Amino acid sequence: MGLLRKIFIPFVGLVLAFCFYSAREDFKPEMLKGKRVIVTGASTGIGEQMAYHLARMGAHVLITARTEAKLQKVITRCLELGAASAQYVSGSMEDEAFAEHVVKEAELLLGGLDMLILNHVGNSYFNYFDGDVGHVQKLLKINFLSYVAMTVSALPRLKDSRGSIVVVSSMAGKVGFPFTAPYSATKFALDGFFSSLRQELIIQKVDVSITLCILGFVDTESAMKAASDVVLVSPAPKEECALEIIKGGALRQREIYYKYAATKIPLLIRDWAPELLDYLIRRSYNVENLKKN
């Protein structure tokens, strides 16, 4: 009976997932035309590319990050690409008041909000955990608590517009990878909070979608600098990744998995043979290069 349950339940899940994805609406760029969108962490990397995609689709874009000069360049490019409007707010997400301020600025500048894309991340290291509890606390403020603060501030506006929350997470928030312990902890926290919040919104019949974006190794400047010599998996392009995130949010999908995470195979192995998954993960790193860093 136990074996039957182990086989039957995953099989039903796969069938339901196939039916859902087969029946879902196709993405069209015009879905974002005129939409009012916040993108955090948008001065570089995936966030910058999301801003450009949204601009091409004719959205009203409000971006945020720490570095004002970089944000100004992104805004200029967004306007060139056809954004309905493009504005920025600079500051640190380590400050909870700033996170709330961004949402208030969206209401003032855009007149409301249709989509909140939470993408920012604090600086961390790619190496063995060094025991620095203070670093973990700081990272939790930026990578997790500011997401919660922005969501709380944005929910009244998103309820009015029947909008969407898009949370950029990682496979490191589903499976334990080495050398990312503080970062991974924050991503697991995002998964737990937003998966729970989604259930509560459904129970309350609140028409606000939550999309969790589970990403693999992407060729952002920060990721390549930290891990390209160690991770043996080829990185995926940030431009394509950014577009997949926007598509998932526009289609109000529960979760999206990008590139090597796309098949969800690591999650299936985790449920069936966790020791095998741990072994395969360890085999995907060149630890000798890590020691030289």
Protein backbone atom coordinates (compact mmCIF):
# COMPACT_ATOMS: atom_id res chain seq x y z
CA MET A 1 0.00 0.00 0.00
CA GLY A 2 2.81 2.38 0.86
CA LEU A 3 4.56 1.68 -2.45
CA LEU A 4 1.31 2.16 -4.36
CA ARG A 5 0.80 5.53 -2.70
CA LYS A 6 4.34 6.58 -3.62
CA ILE A 7 3.70 5.71 -7.26
CA PHE A 8 0.08 6.86 -7.55
CA ILE A 9 0.30 10.33 -5.98
CA PRO A 10 3.23 11.60 -8.10
CA PHE A 11 1.54 10.13 -11.20
CA VAL A 12 -1.71 12.00 -10.50
CA GLY A 13 0.29 15.17 -9.89
CA LEU A 14 2.03 14.85 -13.25
CA VAL A 15 -1.28 14.25 -15.05
CA LEU A 16 -2.89 17.27 -13.41
CA ALA A 17 0.13 19.44 -14.18
CA PHE A 18 0.04 18.34 -17.82
CA CYS A 19 -3.68 19.14 -18.09
CA PHE A 20 -3.17 22.55 -16.48
CA TYR A 21 -0.32 23.58 -18.74
CA SER A 22 -2.09 22.26 -21.84
CA ALA A 23 -5.19 24.32 -21.06
CA ARG A 24 -3.54 27.52 -19.95
CA GLU A 25 -3.81 30.75 -21.91
CA ASP A 26 -1.00 31.62 -24.30
CA PHE A 27 1.12 34.63 -23.47
CA LYS A 28 0.71 37.78 -25.57
CA PRO A 29 2.91 40.88 -25.11
CA GLU A 30 -0.18 43.11 -25.21
CA MET A 31 -1.17 41.64 -21.84
CA LEU A 32 1.34 44.08 -20.31
CA LYS A 33 0.41 47.13 -22.40
CA GLY A 34 -0.51 49.98 -20.06
CA LYS A 35 0.06 47.87 -16.94
CA ARG A 36 1.67 49.55 -13.94
CA VAL A 37 4.63 47.46 -12.81
CA ILE A 38 7.25 47.71 -10.07
CA VAL A 39 10.52 45.85 -10.71
CA THR A 40 13.00 45.72 -7.84
CA GLY A 41 16.71 45.03 -8.27
CA ALA A 42 16.47 46.48 -11.77
CA SER A 43 19.81 48.25 -12.23
CA THR A 44 21.57 45.13 -13.56
CA GLY A 45 21.04 41.47 -14.40
CA ILE A 46 17.63 39.85 -14.65
CA GLY A 47 15.82 42.88 -13.22
CA GLU A 48 17.31 45.20 -15.84
CA GLN A 49 16.27 42.81 -18.61
CA MET A 50 12.74 42.58 -17.20
CA ALA A 51 12.49 46.38 -17.32
CA TYR A 52 13.48 46.33 -21.01
CA HIS A 53 10.97 43.60 -21.88
CA LEU A 54 8.19 45.47 -20.08
CA ALA A 55 9.16 48.69 -21.89
CA ARG A 56 8.88 46.95 -25.28
CA MET A 57 5.42 45.76 -24.24
CA GLY A 58 4.28 49.29 -23.46
CA ALA A 59 4.03 49.04 -19.68
CA HIS A 60 4.40 51.80 -17.10
CA VAL A 61 7.61 50.83 -15.31
CA LEU A 62 8.86 51.89 -11.88
CA ILE A 63 12.25 50.39 -11.08
CA THR A 64 14.35 50.41 -7.95
CA ALA A 65 17.86 49.47 -6.81
CA ARG A 66 20.67 50.97 -4.77
CA THR A 67 22.68 52.75 -7.49
CA GLU A 68 20.98 55.85 -8.89
CA ALA A 69 23.34 56.32 -11.85
CA LYS A 70 22.64 52.79 -13.13
CA LEU A 71 18.88 53.25 -12.69
CA GLN A 72 19.00 56.45 -14.74
CA LYS A 73 20.62 54.58 -17.63
CA VAL A 74 18.02 51.82 -17.47
CA ILE A 75 15.19 54.39 -17.47
CA THR A 76 16.63 56.14 -20.53
CA ARG A 77 16.76 52.82 -22.37
CA CYS A 78 13.22 51.90 -21.30
CA LEU A 79 11.86 55.12 -22.79
CA GLU A 80 13.76 54.44 -26.02
CA LEU A 81 12.19 50.98 -26.19
CA GLY A 82 8.65 52.34 -25.91
CA ALA A 83 7.66 52.25 -22.25
CA ALA A 84 4.38 54.04 -21.53
CA SER A 85 6.36 55.69 -18.73
CA ALA A 86 9.56 54.86 -16.87
CA GLN A 87 10.64 56.13 -13.47
CA TYR A 88 12.91 55.05 -10.64
CA VAL A 89 13.39 55.21 -6.88
CA SER A 90 16.86 54.50 -5.48
CA GLY A 91 17.62 53.15 -2.03
CA SER A 92 18.50 50.11 0.06
CA MET A 93 16.04 47.33 0.77
CA GLU A 94 17.83 46.75 4.06
CA ASP A 95 15.63 49.63 5.26
CA GLU A 96 12.04 48.39 5.66
CA ALA A 97 10.75 51.97 5.41
CA PHE A 98 12.30 52.26 1.93
CA ALA A 99 10.54 49.08 0.80
CA GLU A 100 7.21 50.59 1.82
CA HIS A 101 8.18 53.95 0.28
CA VAL A 102 8.62 52.37 -3.16
CA VAL A 103 5.00 51.17 -3.17
CA LYS A 104 3.75 54.60 -2.07
CA GLU A 105 5.72 56.17 -4.91
CA ALA A 106 4.07 53.78 -7.36
CA GLU A 107 0.65 54.93 -6.20
CA LEU A 108 1.64 58.59 -6.60
CA LEU A 109 3.49 58.25 -9.91
CA LEU A 110 1.46 55.51 -11.59
CA GLY A 111 -1.94 55.96 -9.95
CA GLY A 112 -2.03 52.36 -8.77
CA LEU A 113 -0.33 49.02 -9.31
CA ASP A 114 -1.00 45.95 -11.46
CA MET A 115 2.13 43.86 -10.91
CA LEU A 116 4.79 43.74 -8.21
CA ILE A 117 7.98 41.95 -9.31
CA LEU A 118 10.24 41.24 -6.33
CA ASN A 119 13.70 40.51 -7.66
CA HIS A 120 16.33 42.30 -5.53
CA VAL A 121 18.96 40.42 -3.58
CA GLY A 122 21.67 41.37 -1.09
CA ASN A 123 25.35 40.70 -1.65
CA SER A 124 26.52 37.35 -0.31
CA TYR A 125 29.46 35.01 -0.80
CA PHE A 126 29.77 31.72 -2.68
CA ASN A 127 31.83 29.54 -0.36
CA TYR A 128 31.70 27.43 2.79
CA PHE A 129 29.50 28.96 5.51
CA ASP A 130 31.81 31.11 7.64
CA GLY A 131 29.65 31.19 10.77
CA ASP A 132 28.76 34.89 10.43
CA VAL A 133 25.27 35.09 11.94
CA GLY A 134 25.16 38.85 11.38
CA HIS A 135 25.49 38.31 7.64
CA VAL A 136 22.56 35.89 7.68
CA GLN A 137 20.44 38.42 9.56
CA LYS A 138 21.31 41.19 7.08
CA LEU A 139 20.53 38.96 4.13
CA LEU A 140 17.19 37.97 5.63
CA LYS A 141 16.28 41.67 5.89
CA ILE A 142 17.03 42.30 2.23
CA ASN A 143 16.09 39.02 0.55
CA PHE A 144 13.04 38.16 2.65
CA LEU A 145 11.68 40.75 5.09
CA SER A 146 11.69 43.56 2.53
CA TYR A 147 9.69 41.29 0.18
CA VAL A 148 7.13 40.86 2.94
CA ALA A 149 7.05 44.59 3.68
CA MET A 150 6.53 45.50 0.03
CA THR A 151 3.81 42.88 -0.34
CA VAL A 152 1.93 44.19 2.70
CA SER A 153 2.08 47.73 1.30
CA ALA A 154 1.12 46.67 -2.21
CA LEU A 155 -1.77 44.30 -1.45
CA PRO A 156 -4.49 46.99 -1.14
CA ARG A 157 -3.53 48.37 -4.58
CA LEU A 158 -3.25 44.91 -6.10
CA LYS A 159 -6.65 43.91 -4.71
CA ASP A 160 -8.15 46.93 -6.49
CA SER A 161 -6.54 45.98 -9.81
CA ARG A 162 -6.80 42.18 -9.39
CA GLY A 163 -3.08 42.22 -9.89
CA SER A 164 -0.10 39.93 -9.51
CA ILE A 165 2.87 39.37 -7.22
CA VAL A 166 5.93 37.82 -8.86
CA VAL A 167 8.62 36.49 -6.54
CA VAL A 168 12.02 35.70 -8.05
CA SER A 169 13.45 32.76 -6.16
CA SER A 170 15.89 29.96 -6.88
CA MET A 171 16.30 26.21 -6.98
CA ALA A 172 18.44 26.92 -3.90
CA GLY A 173 15.13 27.68 -2.19
CA LYS A 174 13.80 24.20 -3.01
CA VAL A 175 16.91 22.03 -2.63
CA GLY A 176 19.94 22.46 -0.38
CA PHE A 177 22.98 23.41 -2.48
CA PRO A 178 26.47 23.82 -0.99
CA PHE A 179 28.28 27.16 -0.70
CA THR A 180 25.06 29.23 -0.54
CA ALA A 181 23.80 28.61 3.01
CA PRO A 182 22.78 32.21 3.91
CA TYR A 183 21.33 32.89 0.45
CA SER A 184 19.53 29.54 0.37
CA ALA A 185 17.96 30.20 3.77
CA THR A 186 16.36 33.40 2.48
CA LYS A 187 15.00 31.67 -0.61
CA PHE A 188 13.48 28.84 1.42
CA ALA A 189 11.82 31.54 3.54
CA LEU A 190 10.30 33.14 0.44
CA ASP A 191 8.90 29.81 -0.70
CA GLY A 192 7.27 29.15 2.67
CA PHE A 193 5.80 32.62 3.14
CA PHE A 194 4.43 33.19 -0.33
CA SER A 195 3.12 29.64 -0.78
CA SER A 196 1.22 30.04 2.48
CA LEU A 197 0.00 33.53 1.60
CA ARG A 198 -1.29 32.26 -1.74
CA GLN A 199 -3.47 29.72 0.08
CA GLU A 200 -4.84 32.41 2.38
CA LEU A 201 -5.72 34.72 -0.52
CA ILE A 202 -7.58 31.88 -2.23
CA ILE A 203 -9.51 31.07 0.95
CA GLN A 204 -10.45 34.76 1.29
CA LYS A 205 -11.42 34.89 -2.42
CA VAL A 206 -8.91 37.67 -3.04
CA ASP A 207 -8.10 37.81 -6.76
CA VAL A 208 -4.36 38.50 -6.48
CA SER A 209 -2.05 35.89 -7.99
CA ILE A 210 1.34 34.88 -6.62
CA THR A 211 3.95 33.43 -8.97
CA LEU A 212 7.12 31.89 -7.55
CA CYS A 213 9.97 31.82 -10.07
CA ILE A 214 12.43 29.00 -9.47
CA LEU A 215 15.63 29.79 -11.33
CA GLY A 216 18.75 27.81 -12.03
CA PHE A 217 22.20 29.17 -12.89
CA VAL A 218 21.78 32.37 -14.96
CA ASP A 219 24.56 34.38 -16.62
CA THR A 220 24.19 37.56 -14.59
CA GLU A 221 27.41 39.43 -13.88
CA SER A 222 27.28 38.68 -10.15
CA ALA A 223 26.56 34.96 -10.62
CA MET A 224 29.29 34.53 -13.21
CA LYS A 225 31.84 36.32 -11.06
CA ALA A 226 31.00 34.25 -7.99
CA ALA A 227 30.45 30.79 -9.40
CA SER A 228 31.41 30.35 -13.07
CA ASP A 229 34.71 28.62 -12.19
CA VAL A 230 33.04 26.28 -9.73
CA VAL A 231 29.61 25.35 -11.11
CA LEU A 232 29.86 22.80 -13.92
CA VAL A 233 26.38 23.57 -15.32
CA SER A 234 26.21 25.97 -18.28
CA PRO A 235 24.49 29.25 -17.37
CA ALA A 236 21.23 30.28 -19.00
CA PRO A 237 20.79 33.70 -20.68
CA LYS A 238 19.40 36.43 -18.45
CA GLU A 239 17.39 37.98 -21.28
CA GLU A 240 15.40 34.80 -21.85
CA CYS A 241 15.06 34.22 -18.11
CA ALA A 242 13.62 37.71 -17.62
CA LEU A 243 11.01 37.11 -20.32
CA GLU A 244 9.95 33.79 -18.80
CA ILE A 245 9.42 35.49 -15.44
CA ILE A 246 7.19 38.14 -17.01
CA LYS A 247 5.23 35.50 -18.90
CA GLY A 248 4.64 33.52 -15.71
CA GLY A 249 3.36 36.59 -13.89
CA ALA A 250 1.11 37.69 -16.77
CA LEU A 251 -0.40 34.20 -17.02
CA ARG A 252 -0.83 34.10 -13.23
CA GLN A 253 1.01 30.80 -12.96
CA ARG A 254 1.62 29.27 -9.54
CA GLU A 255 5.29 28.54 -10.22
CA ILE A 256 7.69 28.67 -13.12
CA TYR A 257 10.91 26.67 -13.39
CA TYR A 258 13.61 28.05 -15.66
CA LYS A 259 16.23 26.03 -17.53
CA TYR A 260 17.81 23.11 -15.68
CA ALA A 261 15.17 23.57 -12.99
CA ALA A 262 12.44 23.43 -15.66
CA THR A 263 11.82 19.67 -15.54
CA LYS A 264 11.51 19.60 -11.75
CA ILE A 265 13.63 16.45 -11.86
CA PRO A 266 15.68 17.52 -8.81
CA LEU A 267 12.45 17.73 -6.78
CA LEU A 268 11.34 14.28 -7.90
CA ILE A 269 14.74 12.82 -7.00
CA ARG A 270 14.62 14.64 -3.65
CA ASP A 271 11.33 12.94 -2.80
CA TRP A 272 12.40 9.49 -3.95
CA ALA A 273 16.14 9.34 -3.31
CA PRO A 274 17.48 12.33 -1.37
CA GLU A 275 20.94 10.78 -0.91
CA LEU A 276 21.25 10.38 -4.69
CA LEU A 277 20.29 14.02 -5.21
CA ASP A 278 22.91 15.15 -2.68
CA TYR A 279 25.53 13.10 -4.52
CA LEU A 280 24.56 14.51 -7.93
CA ILE A 281 24.66 18.05 -6.58
CA ARG A 282 28.13 17.59 -5.13
CA ARG A 283 29.31 16.20 -8.47
CA SER A 284 28.21 19.41 -10.25
CA TYR A 285 30.85 21.56 -8.52
CA ASN A 286 34.58 21.93 -9.07
CA VAL A 287 35.53 22.27 -5.41
CA GLU A 288 39.22 22.67 -6.19
CA ASN A 289 38.54 25.99 -7.90
CA LEU A 290 36.45 27.11 -4.94
CA LYS A 291 39.37 26.60 -2.55
CA LYS A 292 41.52 28.95 -4.65
CA ASN A 293 39.03 31.81 -4.33
